[in-house]
Amino acid sequence: MKKVEITTTTYEYDSINELNHDEKILINKSKEAVKNAYAPYSKFNVGAAVLLENGEIITGTNQENAAYPSGLCAERVAIFYANSKYPNVAIKSIAVTAFTNNQYIENPLPPCGSCRQVIVESETRFNKPIKIYLVSSKKIIVVKDAKNLLPLNFDENFLGE
């Protein structure tokens, strides 16, 4: 047997003021998007903002459904829309924010497994890392690329086996 350790590095900021102008805009877009979430069942609104290499910012929100598995997370809504509208433009970064009980959550919300896989696939598709901003009322966690969130990811290499 051989032990293999996998480590993840994140960067934590106490304030949005520690970030640059473009990062602030992206984070604020995710906060604005939260207001458009369709979350009548959970009352847990999530907003995502995707910055593309062409400078466009695409937002998405969680979309719930009474048949719970039929809903979709904000991250995937934003990424799929960005890839649909600009199929040949890489994603540079994504910011994710959540709002519930009339306030932004205190601890940053990490993407679910499905969203992590979609972000990794987008990185692979364009062979470029996607920086991830996980935003809360108390701090911002930055992950330099999705493979730090999903190191043992499924990719096209498994399809040929």
Protein backbone atom coordinates (compact mmCIF):
# COMPACT_ATOMS: atom_id res chain seq x y z
CA MET A 1 0.00 0.00 0.00
CA LYS A 2 1.08 3.53 -0.74
CA LYS A 3 -0.32 6.60 0.98
CA VAL A 4 -0.99 9.55 -1.31
CA GLU A 5 -1.96 12.90 0.15
CA ILE A 6 -3.87 15.52 -1.77
CA THR A 7 -3.76 19.08 -0.49
CA THR A 8 -5.81 22.09 -1.45
CA THR A 9 -4.70 25.67 -1.16
CA THR A 10 -7.16 28.51 -0.72
CA TYR A 11 -6.71 32.20 -0.04
CA GLU A 12 -8.89 33.97 2.49
CA TYR A 13 -9.72 37.66 2.47
CA ASP A 14 -11.49 39.48 5.29
CA SER A 15 -12.80 42.24 3.05
CA ILE A 16 -13.71 42.87 -0.56
CA ASN A 17 -11.46 45.92 -0.31
CA GLU A 18 -8.43 43.61 -0.41
CA LEU A 19 -9.33 42.65 -3.99
CA ASN A 20 -8.79 44.51 -7.25
CA HIS A 21 -11.43 46.49 -9.16
CA ASP A 22 -12.41 43.67 -11.56
CA GLU A 23 -12.72 41.16 -8.72
CA LYS A 24 -14.98 43.56 -6.80
CA ILE A 25 -17.23 44.00 -9.84
CA LEU A 26 -17.54 40.22 -10.31
CA ILE A 27 -18.38 39.67 -6.64
CA ASN A 28 -20.94 42.48 -6.65
CA LYS A 29 -22.58 40.97 -9.75
CA SER A 30 -22.96 37.66 -7.88
CA LYS A 31 -24.55 39.55 -4.98
CA GLU A 32 -26.96 41.29 -7.36
CA ALA A 33 -27.83 37.98 -9.02
CA VAL A 34 -28.90 36.49 -5.68
CA LYS A 35 -31.99 38.72 -5.83
CA ASN A 36 -33.22 36.89 -8.95
CA ALA A 37 -32.96 33.35 -7.60
CA TYR A 38 -36.01 31.15 -7.74
CA ALA A 39 -35.89 29.42 -4.35
CA PRO A 40 -39.48 29.30 -3.05
CA TYR A 41 -38.93 26.02 -1.17
CA SER A 42 -35.55 26.38 0.52
CA LYS A 43 -35.51 30.19 0.72
CA PHE A 44 -31.76 29.80 0.10
CA ASN A 45 -30.86 32.11 -2.79
CA VAL A 46 -27.58 31.58 -4.62
CA GLY A 47 -26.08 33.89 -7.22
CA ALA A 48 -23.11 33.27 -9.47
CA ALA A 49 -21.24 35.59 -11.80
CA VAL A 50 -18.88 34.33 -14.48
CA LEU A 51 -16.17 36.54 -15.99
CA LEU A 52 -15.26 35.55 -19.54
CA GLU A 53 -12.00 36.27 -21.33
CA ASN A 54 -13.81 38.72 -23.59
CA GLY A 55 -14.73 40.81 -20.54
CA GLU A 56 -18.39 39.82 -20.46
CA ILE A 57 -19.94 38.91 -17.12
CA ILE A 58 -22.74 36.36 -17.16
CA THR A 59 -24.86 35.77 -14.07
CA GLY A 60 -26.94 32.85 -12.95
CA THR A 61 -29.12 31.90 -10.01
CA ASN A 62 -30.34 28.71 -8.45
CA GLN A 63 -33.60 27.53 -9.92
CA GLU A 64 -35.63 25.25 -7.66
CA ASN A 65 -38.44 22.95 -8.65
CA ALA A 66 -41.06 21.19 -6.53
CA ALA A 67 -39.52 17.95 -7.83
CA TYR A 68 -36.21 18.75 -6.10
CA PRO A 69 -33.81 16.92 -8.42
CA SER A 70 -35.14 18.97 -11.31
CA GLY A 71 -33.67 22.25 -10.06
CA LEU A 72 -30.27 23.64 -11.00
CA CYS A 73 -27.50 25.42 -9.11
CA ALA A 74 -26.50 29.02 -9.83
CA GLU A 75 -22.99 28.02 -10.91
CA ARG A 76 -24.21 25.67 -13.62
CA VAL A 77 -26.89 28.09 -14.80
CA ALA A 78 -24.24 30.79 -15.28
CA ILE A 79 -21.64 28.48 -16.87
CA PHE A 80 -24.06 26.80 -19.24
CA TYR A 81 -25.48 30.15 -20.33
CA ALA A 82 -21.97 31.56 -20.83
CA ASN A 83 -20.94 28.51 -22.87
CA SER A 84 -24.14 28.71 -24.90
CA LYS A 85 -23.86 32.42 -25.66
CA TYR A 86 -20.06 32.47 -26.13
CA PRO A 87 -19.10 28.88 -27.02
CA ASN A 88 -15.52 29.74 -27.96
CA VAL A 89 -14.69 32.05 -25.05
CA ALA A 90 -12.96 30.72 -21.94
CA ILE A 91 -14.14 31.47 -18.42
CA LYS A 92 -11.60 33.37 -16.31
CA SER A 93 -13.36 33.32 -12.96
CA ILE A 94 -16.60 32.72 -11.11
CA ALA A 95 -17.98 34.28 -7.92
CA VAL A 96 -20.64 32.55 -5.82
CA THR A 97 -22.76 34.16 -3.10
CA ALA A 98 -25.71 32.92 -1.02
CA PHE A 99 -28.48 34.82 0.78
CA THR A 100 -30.99 33.46 3.28
CA ASN A 101 -32.96 34.76 6.27
CA ASN A 102 -32.63 38.30 4.87
CA GLN A 103 -28.84 38.27 4.95
CA TYR A 104 -25.79 36.99 3.14
CA ILE A 105 -24.49 33.80 4.69
CA GLU A 106 -21.63 34.06 7.21
CA ASN A 107 -19.40 31.35 5.73
CA PRO A 108 -18.61 31.00 2.04
CA LEU A 109 -20.65 28.44 0.16
CA PRO A 110 -18.58 25.90 -1.77
CA PRO A 111 -19.99 24.51 -5.03
CA CYS A 112 -21.69 21.13 -4.90
CA GLY A 113 -20.03 18.12 -6.54
CA SER A 114 -21.93 18.52 -9.81
CA CYS A 115 -20.93 22.17 -10.08
CA ARG A 116 -17.31 21.32 -9.29
CA GLN A 117 -17.32 18.79 -12.11
CA VAL A 118 -18.79 21.33 -14.54
CA ILE A 119 -16.19 23.95 -13.57
CA VAL A 120 -13.38 21.41 -14.05
CA GLU A 121 -14.82 20.46 -17.44
CA SER A 122 -14.79 24.13 -18.45
CA GLU A 123 -11.16 24.39 -17.39
CA THR A 124 -10.32 21.30 -19.42
CA ARG A 125 -12.32 22.49 -22.42
CA PHE A 126 -10.23 25.65 -22.79
CA ASN A 127 -7.08 24.39 -21.03
CA LYS A 128 -7.19 27.40 -18.68
CA PRO A 129 -7.72 27.60 -14.93
CA ILE A 130 -10.86 29.18 -13.54
CA LYS A 131 -10.42 31.24 -10.38
CA ILE A 132 -13.26 30.72 -7.91
CA TYR A 133 -14.46 33.34 -5.41
CA LEU A 134 -16.63 31.99 -2.57
CA VAL A 135 -18.26 35.03 -0.99
CA SER A 136 -19.93 35.52 2.39
CA SER A 137 -20.67 38.40 4.73
CA LYS A 138 -17.53 37.73 6.78
CA LYS A 139 -14.91 36.63 4.27
CA ILE A 140 -14.03 35.67 0.72
CA ILE A 141 -12.25 32.45 -0.09
CA VAL A 142 -10.38 32.31 -3.39
CA VAL A 143 -9.41 29.06 -5.08
CA LYS A 144 -6.95 29.40 -7.96
CA ASP A 145 -8.51 26.62 -10.06
CA ALA A 146 -11.29 24.05 -9.89
CA LYS A 147 -8.95 21.10 -9.66
CA ASN A 148 -8.18 22.34 -6.13
CA LEU A 149 -11.88 21.77 -5.35
CA LEU A 150 -12.12 18.44 -7.17
CA PRO A 151 -8.65 16.87 -7.42
CA LEU A 152 -9.88 13.38 -8.36
CA ASN A 153 -12.16 14.51 -11.14
CA PHE A 154 -13.75 12.52 -13.92
CA ASP A 155 -12.56 13.49 -17.39
CA GLU A 156 -12.63 12.32 -21.00
CA ASN A 157 -9.73 9.93 -20.41
CA PHE A 158 -12.04 7.59 -18.48
CA LEU A 159 -14.46 7.35 -21.41
CA GLY A 160 -12.01 5.44 -23.59
CA GLU A 161 -11.25 2.73 -21.03
